Amino acid sequence: MTNLLHIDSSITGEHSTSRRLTARAAAAWRAANPEGTVTYRDLGADPLPHLDAVTNVARTVPPEQHTPEQAAAWRLIKELVDEVKAADTIVLGLPLYNFGPPSTVKAWVDHLIAPGLSIDMETREGLLGGRDFIVLAARGGGYGAGTPREGWDHAQSWIPHGLSLTGLEPRFVTAELTMAKTNPAMADLIPLADESQAEAERAIDALWTPVAA
């Protein structure tokens, strides 16, 4: 049976573009995989703890030597890695905050870097590859080629590197200029924002072909 891991990270609730995109993607995936199951994680509403000294040691000490605190940290690491391993497809909503990813997404990635679970320490091979990992990115401004802030999106450029040790390879669908309708200074960019949103939606709709009845 196929399984989708659906992850949101936006803190803006119903106003979130990335949440709307991931919801659209999850619906398209369900239509194409009616017998499939979905695992949902909301990093915005239920954030993971950031990497700390206890978690770091838990990754390097054999489980039988863990303190109770290290054992709890290791259980969370294993839970997160197992969620990925159980998934055929991963959909991650990735808003851009202050030119970078939400810290909760960074925490998720940090927990996935787990020797022995997501990385073969003998071969250095990532153990989470072979999954369809779709990142649905949303950014309030314009960061494309030729724009004043080209290269300022450090979320989309970082995540392939952050997860490279695990074997996960993201492909991106991006909607930008999402603040055009709420920021008066960007009002003249609304047509471009609408075009970007529509293009992202078309890309999502083309991700999976529904199973014929």
N, C-alpha and C. Protein backbone atom coordinates (compact mmCIF):
# COMPACT_ATOMS: atom_id res chain seq x y z
N MET A 1 0.85 -1.19 0.00
CA MET A 1 0.00 0.00 0.00
C MET A 1 0.88 1.24 0.00
N THR A 2 0.53 2.22 -0.81
CA THR A 2 1.31 3.44 -0.89
C THR A 2 0.99 4.36 0.28
N ASN A 3 1.95 5.20 0.64
CA ASN A 3 1.77 6.11 1.77
C ASN A 3 2.34 7.48 1.43
N LEU A 4 1.59 8.51 1.75
CA LEU A 4 2.01 9.89 1.59
C LEU A 4 2.35 10.47 2.95
N LEU A 5 3.52 11.11 3.06
CA LEU A 5 3.87 11.89 4.24
C LEU A 5 3.66 13.36 3.88
N HIS A 6 2.68 13.97 4.51
CA HIS A 6 2.26 15.35 4.23
C HIS A 6 2.73 16.20 5.40
N ILE A 7 3.61 17.18 5.13
CA ILE A 7 4.19 18.01 6.18
C ILE A 7 3.92 19.48 5.88
N ASP A 8 3.34 20.17 6.87
CA ASP A 8 3.18 21.61 6.80
C ASP A 8 4.12 22.27 7.81
N SER A 9 4.49 23.52 7.54
CA SER A 9 5.36 24.21 8.48
C SER A 9 5.01 25.69 8.66
N SER A 10 4.06 26.19 7.89
CA SER A 10 3.71 27.60 7.97
C SER A 10 3.08 27.94 9.32
N ILE A 11 3.35 29.16 9.79
CA ILE A 11 2.76 29.64 11.04
C ILE A 11 1.59 30.59 10.80
N THR A 12 1.15 30.73 9.54
CA THR A 12 0.10 31.72 9.24
C THR A 12 -1.28 31.11 9.05
N GLY A 13 -1.44 29.84 9.38
CA GLY A 13 -2.76 29.22 9.37
C GLY A 13 -3.47 29.30 8.04
N GLU A 14 -4.72 29.74 8.08
CA GLU A 14 -5.56 29.75 6.87
C GLU A 14 -5.08 30.75 5.83
N HIS A 15 -4.19 31.63 6.22
CA HIS A 15 -3.65 32.61 5.27
C HIS A 15 -2.42 32.07 4.52
N SER A 16 -2.03 30.87 4.84
CA SER A 16 -0.79 30.32 4.30
C SER A 16 -0.94 29.83 2.86
N THR A 17 -0.08 30.31 2.00
CA THR A 17 -0.04 29.81 0.62
C THR A 17 0.52 28.39 0.59
N SER A 18 1.57 28.13 1.35
CA SER A 18 2.16 26.78 1.30
C SER A 18 1.18 25.73 1.80
N ARG A 19 0.36 26.07 2.80
CA ARG A 19 -0.64 25.11 3.28
C ARG A 19 -1.70 24.84 2.22
N ARG A 20 -2.10 25.87 1.49
CA ARG A 20 -3.08 25.65 0.43
C ARG A 20 -2.48 24.76 -0.67
N LEU A 21 -1.21 24.97 -0.96
CA LEU A 21 -0.57 24.15 -1.99
C LEU A 21 -0.42 22.70 -1.54
N THR A 22 -0.01 22.48 -0.29
CA THR A 22 0.13 21.09 0.16
C THR A 22 -1.22 20.39 0.25
N ALA A 23 -2.26 21.14 0.64
CA ALA A 23 -3.59 20.54 0.68
C ALA A 23 -4.04 20.14 -0.72
N ARG A 24 -3.75 20.96 -1.69
CA ARG A 24 -4.09 20.64 -3.08
C ARG A 24 -3.32 19.41 -3.53
N ALA A 25 -2.03 19.36 -3.19
CA ALA A 25 -1.22 18.20 -3.57
C ALA A 25 -1.71 16.93 -2.90
N ALA A 26 -2.05 17.01 -1.62
CA ALA A 26 -2.54 15.83 -0.91
C ALA A 26 -3.84 15.32 -1.53
N ALA A 27 -4.71 16.25 -1.92
CA ALA A 27 -5.97 15.85 -2.56
C ALA A 27 -5.70 15.18 -3.90
N ALA A 28 -4.75 15.73 -4.67
CA ALA A 28 -4.42 15.12 -5.97
C ALA A 28 -3.80 13.74 -5.77
N TRP A 29 -2.98 13.61 -4.75
CA TRP A 29 -2.36 12.31 -4.47
C TRP A 29 -3.43 11.28 -4.08
N ARG A 30 -4.37 11.69 -3.24
CA ARG A 30 -5.44 10.76 -2.83
C ARG A 30 -6.27 10.32 -4.03
N ALA A 31 -6.54 11.26 -4.95
CA ALA A 31 -7.32 10.91 -6.13
C ALA A 31 -6.59 9.88 -6.98
N ALA A 32 -5.26 9.99 -7.02
CA ALA A 32 -4.46 9.06 -7.82
C ALA A 32 -4.16 7.77 -7.08
N ASN A 33 -4.30 7.79 -5.76
CA ASN A 33 -3.98 6.61 -4.93
C ASN A 33 -5.11 6.38 -3.92
N PRO A 34 -6.30 6.01 -4.41
CA PRO A 34 -7.46 5.91 -3.51
C PRO A 34 -7.30 4.87 -2.40
N GLU A 35 -6.41 3.92 -2.57
CA GLU A 35 -6.19 2.93 -1.52
C GLU A 35 -5.02 3.30 -0.61
N GLY A 36 -4.39 4.42 -0.90
CA GLY A 36 -3.22 4.82 -0.14
C GLY A 36 -3.56 5.41 1.22
N THR A 37 -2.55 5.56 2.05
CA THR A 37 -2.71 6.15 3.38
C THR A 37 -1.88 7.43 3.46
N VAL A 38 -2.28 8.30 4.38
CA VAL A 38 -1.61 9.59 4.55
C VAL A 38 -1.19 9.75 6.00
N THR A 39 0.06 10.11 6.19
CA THR A 39 0.57 10.50 7.50
C THR A 39 0.79 12.00 7.48
N TYR A 40 0.27 12.70 8.47
CA TYR A 40 0.34 14.15 8.49
C TYR A 40 1.15 14.64 9.69
N ARG A 41 2.04 15.59 9.43
CA ARG A 41 2.80 16.23 10.50
C ARG A 41 2.76 17.73 10.28
N ASP A 42 2.41 18.47 11.34
CA ASP A 42 2.32 19.92 11.27
C ASP A 42 3.42 20.53 12.13
N LEU A 43 4.51 20.91 11.49
CA LEU A 43 5.64 21.48 12.21
C LEU A 43 5.35 22.88 12.72
N GLY A 44 4.38 23.56 12.10
CA GLY A 44 4.02 24.89 12.57
C GLY A 44 3.22 24.85 13.85
N ALA A 45 2.26 23.93 13.92
CA ALA A 45 1.41 23.81 15.11
C ALA A 45 2.04 22.97 16.20
N ASP A 46 2.87 22.01 15.82
CA ASP A 46 3.49 21.09 16.79
C ASP A 46 4.99 21.01 16.48
N PRO A 47 5.74 22.07 16.79
CA PRO A 47 7.15 22.11 16.40
C PRO A 47 8.00 21.07 17.13
N LEU A 48 9.01 20.60 16.41
CA LEU A 48 9.97 19.68 17.00
C LEU A 48 10.98 20.46 17.83
N PRO A 49 11.57 19.81 18.83
CA PRO A 49 12.65 20.49 19.56
C PRO A 49 13.85 20.69 18.64
N HIS A 50 14.54 21.77 18.83
CA HIS A 50 15.73 22.01 18.04
C HIS A 50 16.86 21.11 18.51
N LEU A 51 17.82 20.89 17.64
CA LEU A 51 18.95 20.05 17.97
C LEU A 51 19.68 20.62 19.19
N ASP A 52 19.89 19.76 20.19
CA ASP A 52 20.59 20.19 21.40
C ASP A 52 21.65 19.16 21.78
N ALA A 53 22.32 19.39 22.90
CA ALA A 53 23.42 18.51 23.30
C ALA A 53 22.94 17.09 23.55
N VAL A 54 21.76 16.95 24.16
CA VAL A 54 21.24 15.61 24.47
C VAL A 54 20.97 14.85 23.18
N THR A 55 20.29 15.50 22.23
CA THR A 55 19.97 14.85 20.96
C THR A 55 21.24 14.51 20.19
N ASN A 56 22.20 15.40 20.21
CA ASN A 56 23.45 15.15 19.50
C ASN A 56 24.17 13.92 20.05
N VAL A 57 24.24 13.80 21.36
CA VAL A 57 24.90 12.63 21.96
C VAL A 57 24.10 11.37 21.68
N ALA A 58 22.77 11.47 21.70
CA ALA A 58 21.92 10.30 21.46
C ALA A 58 22.19 9.67 20.11
N ARG A 59 22.63 10.49 19.14
CA ARG A 59 22.90 9.97 17.80
C ARG A 59 24.25 9.26 17.71
N THR A 60 25.10 9.46 18.69
CA THR A 60 26.46 8.92 18.61
C THR A 60 26.77 7.86 19.65
N VAL A 61 25.88 7.66 20.61
CA VAL A 61 26.08 6.69 21.68
C VAL A 61 25.17 5.49 21.44
N PRO A 62 25.65 4.26 21.61
CA PRO A 62 24.78 3.09 21.44
C PRO A 62 23.53 3.19 22.32
N PRO A 63 22.38 2.78 21.79
CA PRO A 63 21.13 2.91 22.56
C PRO A 63 21.18 2.31 23.96
N GLU A 64 21.91 1.20 24.13
CA GLU A 64 21.97 0.59 25.46
C GLU A 64 22.71 1.45 26.47
N GLN A 65 23.41 2.48 26.00
CA GLN A 65 24.14 3.38 26.89
C GLN A 65 23.42 4.71 27.10
N HIS A 66 22.24 4.85 26.53
CA HIS A 66 21.51 6.12 26.63
C HIS A 66 21.04 6.39 28.05
N THR A 67 21.10 7.64 28.44
CA THR A 67 20.40 8.10 29.63
C THR A 67 18.91 8.17 29.28
N PRO A 68 18.03 8.33 30.26
CA PRO A 68 16.60 8.46 29.93
C PRO A 68 16.32 9.62 28.97
N GLU A 69 17.02 10.74 29.14
CA GLU A 69 16.80 11.89 28.25
C GLU A 69 17.29 11.57 26.83
N GLN A 70 18.43 10.91 26.75
CA GLN A 70 18.95 10.54 25.43
C GLN A 70 18.05 9.51 24.75
N ALA A 71 17.50 8.58 25.54
CA ALA A 71 16.59 7.57 24.99
C ALA A 71 15.35 8.23 24.41
N ALA A 72 14.83 9.25 25.09
CA ALA A 72 13.65 9.96 24.58
C ALA A 72 13.98 10.69 23.29
N ALA A 73 15.16 11.30 23.24
CA ALA A 73 15.57 12.00 22.02
C ALA A 73 15.75 11.02 20.87
N TRP A 74 16.31 9.85 21.14
CA TRP A 74 16.51 8.84 20.10
C TRP A 74 15.18 8.29 19.59
N ARG A 75 14.21 8.14 20.48
CA ARG A 75 12.89 7.66 20.05
C ARG A 75 12.27 8.64 19.07
N LEU A 76 12.43 9.93 19.32
CA LEU A 76 11.88 10.93 18.41
C LEU A 76 12.60 10.87 17.06
N ILE A 77 13.91 10.76 17.08
CA ILE A 77 14.67 10.63 15.84
C ILE A 77 14.16 9.44 15.04
N LYS A 78 14.03 8.31 15.71
CA LYS A 78 13.59 7.09 15.03
C LYS A 78 12.17 7.25 14.49
N GLU A 79 11.30 7.90 15.25
CA GLU A 79 9.92 8.13 14.79
C GLU A 79 9.91 8.94 13.50
N LEU A 80 10.72 9.99 13.45
CA LEU A 80 10.75 10.85 12.26
C LEU A 80 11.35 10.14 11.06
N VAL A 81 12.43 9.40 11.28
CA VAL A 81 13.03 8.64 10.18
C VAL A 81 12.08 7.57 9.70
N ASP A 82 11.41 6.90 10.62
CA ASP A 82 10.47 5.84 10.23
C ASP A 82 9.30 6.40 9.43
N GLU A 83 8.86 7.64 9.75
CA GLU A 83 7.80 8.26 8.95
C GLU A 83 8.23 8.41 7.50
N VAL A 84 9.47 8.82 7.31
CA VAL A 84 9.99 8.98 5.95
C VAL A 84 10.12 7.62 5.28
N LYS A 85 10.65 6.64 6.00
CA LYS A 85 10.84 5.31 5.42
C LYS A 85 9.52 4.66 5.01
N ALA A 86 8.46 4.99 5.73
CA ALA A 86 7.15 4.40 5.43
C ALA A 86 6.48 5.06 4.24
N ALA A 87 7.03 6.19 3.80
CA ALA A 87 6.38 6.97 2.73
C ALA A 87 6.97 6.64 1.37
N ASP A 88 6.08 6.56 0.37
CA ASP A 88 6.51 6.51 -1.02
C ASP A 88 6.68 7.92 -1.57
N THR A 89 5.85 8.84 -1.03
CA THR A 89 5.85 10.23 -1.48
C THR A 89 5.85 11.13 -0.26
N ILE A 90 6.64 12.20 -0.32
CA ILE A 90 6.68 13.21 0.75
C ILE A 90 6.34 14.55 0.12
N VAL A 91 5.40 15.26 0.74
CA VAL A 91 5.05 16.61 0.33
C VAL A 91 5.35 17.53 1.50
N LEU A 92 6.24 18.49 1.29
CA LEU A 92 6.63 19.43 2.34
C LEU A 92 6.29 20.84 1.92
N GLY A 93 5.53 21.54 2.77
CA GLY A 93 5.28 22.95 2.56
C GLY A 93 6.43 23.77 3.13
N LEU A 94 7.02 24.63 2.29
CA LEU A 94 8.21 25.37 2.70
C LEU A 94 8.04 26.87 2.45
N PRO A 95 7.51 27.59 3.44
CA PRO A 95 7.47 29.05 3.30
C PRO A 95 8.86 29.64 3.52
N LEU A 96 9.06 30.85 3.03
CA LEU A 96 10.32 31.55 3.20
C LEU A 96 10.15 32.59 4.30
N TYR A 97 10.93 32.44 5.37
CA TYR A 97 10.88 33.39 6.48
C TYR A 97 12.24 34.08 6.62
N ASN A 98 12.24 35.40 6.47
CA ASN A 98 13.49 36.16 6.63
C ASN A 98 14.60 35.58 5.76
N PHE A 99 14.22 35.20 4.55
CA PHE A 99 15.13 34.71 3.52
C PHE A 99 15.67 33.30 3.79
N GLY A 100 15.07 32.60 4.74
CA GLY A 100 15.50 31.23 5.04
C GLY A 100 14.31 30.35 5.35
N PRO A 101 14.56 29.06 5.65
CA PRO A 101 13.48 28.15 5.98
C PRO A 101 12.98 28.39 7.39
N PRO A 102 11.75 28.00 7.70
CA PRO A 102 11.32 28.02 9.10
C PRO A 102 12.28 27.20 9.95
N SER A 103 12.55 27.66 11.16
CA SER A 103 13.47 26.92 12.02
C SER A 103 12.95 25.52 12.32
N THR A 104 11.63 25.34 12.25
CA THR A 104 11.05 24.02 12.50
C THR A 104 11.41 23.03 11.40
N VAL A 105 11.53 23.51 10.17
CA VAL A 105 11.97 22.64 9.08
C VAL A 105 13.44 22.28 9.27
N LYS A 106 14.24 23.25 9.69
CA LYS A 106 15.65 22.96 9.99
C LYS A 106 15.74 21.89 11.08
N ALA A 107 14.88 21.98 12.11
CA ALA A 107 14.89 20.98 13.17
C ALA A 107 14.52 19.60 12.64
N TRP A 108 13.53 19.56 11.74
CA TRP A 108 13.14 18.28 11.13
C TRP A 108 14.31 17.67 10.37
N VAL A 109 14.98 18.48 9.58
CA VAL A 109 16.13 17.99 8.83
C VAL A 109 17.23 17.52 9.78
N ASP A 110 17.50 18.29 10.82
CA ASP A 110 18.55 17.90 11.78
C ASP A 110 18.25 16.53 12.40
N HIS A 111 16.98 16.27 12.70
CA HIS A 111 16.62 14.98 13.30
C HIS A 111 16.76 13.83 12.31
N LEU A 112 16.65 14.13 11.01
CA LEU A 112 16.76 13.06 10.01
C LEU A 112 18.20 12.66 9.75
N ILE A 113 19.17 13.46 10.18
CA ILE A 113 20.58 13.10 9.99
C ILE A 113 20.96 12.16 11.12
N ALA A 114 20.71 10.88 10.91
CA ALA A 114 20.81 9.89 11.98
C ALA A 114 21.68 8.72 11.53
N PRO A 115 22.93 8.67 11.98
CA PRO A 115 23.81 7.55 11.62
C PRO A 115 23.17 6.20 11.97
N GLY A 116 23.20 5.31 10.99
CA GLY A 116 22.63 3.99 11.20
C GLY A 116 21.17 3.87 10.84
N LEU A 117 20.46 4.99 10.87
CA LEU A 117 19.04 4.99 10.51
C LEU A 117 18.81 5.56 9.12
N SER A 118 19.40 6.71 8.87
CA SER A 118 19.24 7.35 7.55
C SER A 118 20.53 7.38 6.75
N ILE A 119 21.62 7.00 7.39
CA ILE A 119 22.94 7.01 6.73
C ILE A 119 23.66 5.72 7.08
N ASP A 120 24.12 5.00 6.07
CA ASP A 120 24.96 3.82 6.29
C ASP A 120 26.37 4.30 6.61
N MET A 121 26.82 4.06 7.82
CA MET A 121 28.09 4.62 8.24
C MET A 121 29.29 3.90 7.64
N GLU A 122 29.10 2.74 7.06
CA GLU A 122 30.21 2.06 6.39
C GLU A 122 30.38 2.58 4.96
N THR A 123 29.29 2.70 4.26
CA THR A 123 29.36 3.13 2.86
C THR A 123 29.10 4.63 2.68
N ARG A 124 28.58 5.30 3.74
CA ARG A 124 28.17 6.70 3.68
C ARG A 124 26.99 6.91 2.74
N GLU A 125 26.32 5.84 2.41
CA GLU A 125 25.16 5.94 1.52
C GLU A 125 23.94 6.41 2.30
N GLY A 126 23.17 7.31 1.70
CA GLY A 126 21.92 7.72 2.29
C GLY A 126 20.89 6.62 2.15
N LEU A 127 20.13 6.39 3.21
CA LEU A 127 19.18 5.27 3.25
C LEU A 127 17.73 5.69 3.00
N LEU A 128 17.51 6.97 2.71
CA LEU A 128 16.14 7.45 2.52
C LEU A 128 15.83 7.79 1.06
N GLY A 129 16.73 7.48 0.16
CA GLY A 129 16.51 7.78 -1.24
C GLY A 129 15.45 6.91 -1.86
N GLY A 130 15.10 7.20 -3.11
CA GLY A 130 14.12 6.41 -3.82
C GLY A 130 12.69 6.82 -3.57
N ARG A 131 12.49 7.93 -2.85
CA ARG A 131 11.15 8.43 -2.59
C ARG A 131 10.91 9.70 -3.40
N ASP A 132 9.67 9.95 -3.73
CA ASP A 132 9.31 11.17 -4.43
C ASP A 132 9.15 12.26 -3.38
N PHE A 133 10.07 13.19 -3.34
CA PHE A 133 10.09 14.24 -2.33
C PHE A 133 9.79 15.58 -3.01
N ILE A 134 8.58 16.07 -2.77
CA ILE A 134 8.10 17.27 -3.43
C ILE A 134 8.03 18.40 -2.42
N VAL A 135 8.74 19.47 -2.69
CA VAL A 135 8.75 20.64 -1.82
C VAL A 135 7.91 21.73 -2.47
N LEU A 136 6.87 22.16 -1.79
CA LEU A 136 5.98 23.21 -2.28
C LEU A 136 6.36 24.50 -1.57
N ALA A 137 7.10 25.32 -2.27
CA ALA A 137 7.68 26.53 -1.68
C ALA A 137 6.81 27.74 -1.94
N ALA A 138 6.75 28.63 -0.96
CA ALA A 138 6.00 29.88 -1.10
C ALA A 138 6.87 31.01 -0.56
N ARG A 139 6.96 32.08 -1.36
CA ARG A 139 7.77 33.20 -0.91
C ARG A 139 7.06 34.51 -1.24
N GLY A 140 7.10 35.42 -0.29
CA GLY A 140 6.31 36.64 -0.40
C GLY A 140 6.75 37.58 -1.48
N GLY A 141 8.05 37.60 -1.79
CA GLY A 141 8.58 38.49 -2.81
C GLY A 141 8.98 37.74 -4.06
N GLY A 142 9.75 38.43 -4.89
CA GLY A 142 10.26 37.82 -6.11
C GLY A 142 11.76 37.61 -6.00
N TYR A 143 12.19 36.39 -6.28
CA TYR A 143 13.60 36.05 -6.10
C TYR A 143 14.19 35.38 -7.34
N GLY A 144 13.50 35.50 -8.46
CA GLY A 144 13.94 34.85 -9.68
C GLY A 144 15.11 35.56 -10.33
N ALA A 145 15.59 34.97 -11.41
CA ALA A 145 16.72 35.52 -12.15
C ALA A 145 16.42 36.95 -12.61
N GLY A 146 17.36 37.84 -12.36
CA GLY A 146 17.23 39.21 -12.78
C GLY A 146 16.52 40.13 -11.81
N THR A 147 15.95 39.58 -10.73
CA THR A 147 15.29 40.42 -9.74
C THR A 147 16.32 40.98 -8.76
N PRO A 148 15.97 42.08 -8.06
CA PRO A 148 16.93 42.66 -7.12
C PRO A 148 17.37 41.69 -6.02
N ARG A 149 16.52 40.73 -5.68
CA ARG A 149 16.86 39.80 -4.61
C ARG A 149 17.11 38.38 -5.14
N GLU A 150 17.57 38.30 -6.34
CA GLU A 150 17.98 36.99 -6.86
C GLU A 150 19.04 36.38 -5.94
N GLY A 151 18.82 35.13 -5.56
CA GLY A 151 19.77 34.44 -4.69
C GLY A 151 19.54 34.63 -3.21
N TRP A 152 18.52 35.43 -2.85
CA TRP A 152 18.24 35.66 -1.43
C TRP A 152 17.37 34.56 -0.81
N ASP A 153 16.81 33.69 -1.62
CA ASP A 153 16.00 32.58 -1.09
C ASP A 153 16.95 31.48 -0.64
N HIS A 154 17.25 31.48 0.66
CA HIS A 154 18.18 30.50 1.20
C HIS A 154 17.48 29.25 1.73
N ALA A 155 16.17 29.18 1.57
CA ALA A 155 15.43 27.98 1.95
C ALA A 155 15.51 26.94 0.84
N GLN A 156 15.15 27.37 -0.37
CA GLN A 156 15.13 26.44 -1.49
C GLN A 156 16.54 25.98 -1.86
N SER A 157 17.51 26.87 -1.72
CA SER A 157 18.88 26.48 -2.05
C SER A 157 19.51 25.59 -0.98
N TRP A 158 19.04 25.72 0.26
CA TRP A 158 19.63 24.96 1.37
C TRP A 158 19.14 23.53 1.46
N ILE A 159 17.84 23.31 1.31
CA ILE A 159 17.29 22.00 1.68
C ILE A 159 17.87 20.82 0.90
N PRO A 160 18.23 20.95 -0.39
CA PRO A 160 18.87 19.80 -1.04
C PRO A 160 20.21 19.44 -0.39
N HIS A 161 20.93 20.47 0.05
CA HIS A 161 22.21 20.22 0.73
C HIS A 161 21.98 19.66 2.13
N GLY A 162 21.01 20.23 2.84
CA GLY A 162 20.74 19.79 4.20
C GLY A 162 20.37 18.32 4.29
N LEU A 163 19.68 17.81 3.26
CA LEU A 163 19.23 16.42 3.27
C LEU A 163 20.09 15.50 2.42
N SER A 164 21.15 16.02 1.84
CA SER A 164 21.92 15.23 0.88
C SER A 164 22.49 13.95 1.49
N LEU A 165 22.86 13.97 2.77
CA LEU A 165 23.44 12.77 3.39
C LEU A 165 22.44 11.63 3.49
N THR A 166 21.14 11.96 3.48
CA THR A 166 20.11 10.94 3.65
C THR A 166 19.70 10.27 2.35
N GLY A 167 20.05 10.87 1.23
CA GLY A 167 19.62 10.34 -0.07
C GLY A 167 18.34 10.96 -0.58
N LEU A 168 17.66 11.77 0.22
CA LEU A 168 16.45 12.45 -0.25
C LEU A 168 16.82 13.55 -1.24
N GLU A 169 16.12 13.59 -2.36
CA GLU A 169 16.38 14.59 -3.39
C GLU A 169 15.08 15.32 -3.72
N PRO A 170 14.96 16.57 -3.29
CA PRO A 170 13.70 17.30 -3.51
C PRO A 170 13.55 17.80 -4.93
N ARG A 171 12.30 17.88 -5.36
CA ARG A 171 11.97 18.65 -6.56
C ARG A 171 10.96 19.70 -6.13
N PHE A 172 11.01 20.85 -6.75
CA PHE A 172 10.32 22.03 -6.24
C PHE A 172 9.18 22.49 -7.14
N VAL A 173 8.11 22.92 -6.47
CA VAL A 173 7.06 23.72 -7.10
C VAL A 173 6.98 24.99 -6.27
N THR A 174 7.11 26.14 -6.91
CA THR A 174 7.23 27.40 -6.16
C THR A 174 6.21 28.42 -6.60
N ALA A 175 5.56 29.04 -5.61
CA ALA A 175 4.69 30.19 -5.85
C ALA A 175 5.33 31.39 -5.16
N GLU A 176 5.49 32.48 -5.90
CA GLU A 176 6.12 33.65 -5.29
C GLU A 176 5.24 34.89 -5.44
N LEU A 177 5.73 35.98 -4.84
CA LEU A 177 4.99 37.24 -4.78
C LEU A 177 3.68 37.09 -4.01
N THR A 178 3.68 36.20 -3.02
CA THR A 178 2.44 35.90 -2.30
C THR A 178 1.96 37.06 -1.44
N MET A 179 2.81 38.06 -1.20
CA MET A 179 2.39 39.21 -0.39
C MET A 179 1.84 40.35 -1.24
N ALA A 180 1.74 40.14 -2.55
CA ALA A 180 1.33 41.24 -3.43
C ALA A 180 -0.06 41.78 -3.10
N LYS A 181 -0.96 40.91 -2.66
CA LYS A 181 -2.34 41.35 -2.41
C LYS A 181 -2.51 41.97 -1.03
N THR A 182 -1.52 41.86 -0.17
CA THR A 182 -1.63 42.42 1.18
C THR A 182 -0.65 43.56 1.42
N ASN A 183 0.32 43.73 0.55
CA ASN A 183 1.30 44.79 0.69
C ASN A 183 1.04 45.84 -0.40
N PRO A 184 0.53 47.03 -0.01
CA PRO A 184 0.21 48.04 -1.02
C PRO A 184 1.37 48.38 -1.95
N ALA A 185 2.59 48.29 -1.43
CA ALA A 185 3.76 48.62 -2.26
C ALA A 185 3.97 47.62 -3.39
N MET A 186 3.30 46.46 -3.29
CA MET A 186 3.47 45.42 -4.30
C MET A 186 2.23 45.27 -5.18
N ALA A 187 1.31 46.21 -5.10
CA ALA A 187 0.02 46.07 -5.79
C ALA A 187 0.18 45.86 -7.30
N ASP A 188 1.19 46.50 -7.88
CA ASP A 188 1.35 46.35 -9.33
C ASP A 188 1.88 44.98 -9.72
N LEU A 189 2.26 44.19 -8.73
CA LEU A 189 2.76 42.84 -9.00
C LEU A 189 1.68 41.77 -8.86
N ILE A 190 0.45 42.18 -8.57
CA ILE A 190 -0.63 41.20 -8.38
C ILE A 190 -0.82 40.29 -9.60
N PRO A 191 -0.81 40.83 -10.83
CA PRO A 191 -0.95 39.92 -11.99
C PRO A 191 0.16 38.87 -12.04
N LEU A 192 1.38 39.25 -11.73
CA LEU A 192 2.48 38.28 -11.72
C LEU A 192 2.30 37.27 -10.58
N ALA A 193 1.79 37.74 -9.45
CA ALA A 193 1.53 36.83 -8.33
C ALA A 193 0.46 35.80 -8.71
N ASP A 194 -0.61 36.28 -9.35
CA ASP A 194 -1.67 35.36 -9.77
C ASP A 194 -1.14 34.33 -10.77
N GLU A 195 -0.28 34.80 -11.67
CA GLU A 195 0.30 33.90 -12.66
C GLU A 195 1.19 32.84 -11.99
N SER A 196 1.97 33.26 -11.01
CA SER A 196 2.84 32.32 -10.30
C SER A 196 2.02 31.29 -9.53
N GLN A 197 0.96 31.75 -8.87
CA GLN A 197 0.08 30.84 -8.13
C GLN A 197 -0.56 29.83 -9.08
N ALA A 198 -1.07 30.31 -10.21
CA ALA A 198 -1.73 29.43 -11.17
C ALA A 198 -0.75 28.42 -11.74
N GLU A 199 0.45 28.86 -12.02
CA GLU A 199 1.47 27.94 -12.54
C GLU A 199 1.81 26.86 -11.53
N ALA A 200 1.90 27.25 -10.26
CA ALA A 200 2.17 26.26 -9.21
C ALA A 200 1.03 25.26 -9.11
N GLU A 201 -0.20 25.74 -9.18
CA GLU A 201 -1.35 24.85 -9.10
C GLU A 201 -1.39 23.88 -10.28
N ARG A 202 -1.06 24.38 -11.47
CA ARG A 202 -1.02 23.49 -12.64
C ARG A 202 0.06 22.42 -12.47
N ALA A 203 1.19 22.81 -11.93
CA ALA A 203 2.27 21.84 -11.72
C ALA A 203 1.85 20.78 -10.71
N ILE A 204 1.15 21.19 -9.67
CA ILE A 204 0.67 20.22 -8.67
C ILE A 204 -0.34 19.27 -9.30
N ASP A 205 -1.26 19.80 -10.07
CA ASP A 205 -2.30 18.98 -10.68
C ASP A 205 -1.71 17.95 -11.65
N ALA A 206 -0.54 18.24 -12.15
CA ALA A 206 0.09 17.32 -13.12
C ALA A 206 1.01 16.30 -12.45
N LEU A 207 1.12 16.35 -11.13
CA LEU A 207 2.07 15.46 -10.45
C LEU A 207 1.66 13.99 -10.54
N TRP A 208 0.34 13.74 -10.43
CA TRP A 208 -0.13 12.36 -10.43
C TRP A 208 -1.34 12.24 -11.34
N THR A 209 -1.43 11.14 -12.03
CA THR A 209 -2.57 10.86 -12.88
C THR A 209 -3.54 9.97 -12.13
N PRO A 210 -4.78 10.40 -11.94
CA PRO A 210 -5.74 9.58 -11.19
C PRO A 210 -5.91 8.19 -11.83
N VAL A 211 -6.12 7.20 -10.98
CA VAL A 211 -6.34 5.85 -11.44
C VAL A 211 -7.70 5.78 -12.16
N ALA A 212 -7.73 5.19 -13.34
CA ALA A 212 -8.97 5.09 -14.09
C ALA A 212 -9.98 4.22 -13.35
N ALA A 213 -11.24 4.61 -13.41
CA ALA A 213 -12.30 3.85 -12.74
C ALA A 213 -12.52 2.53 -13.46
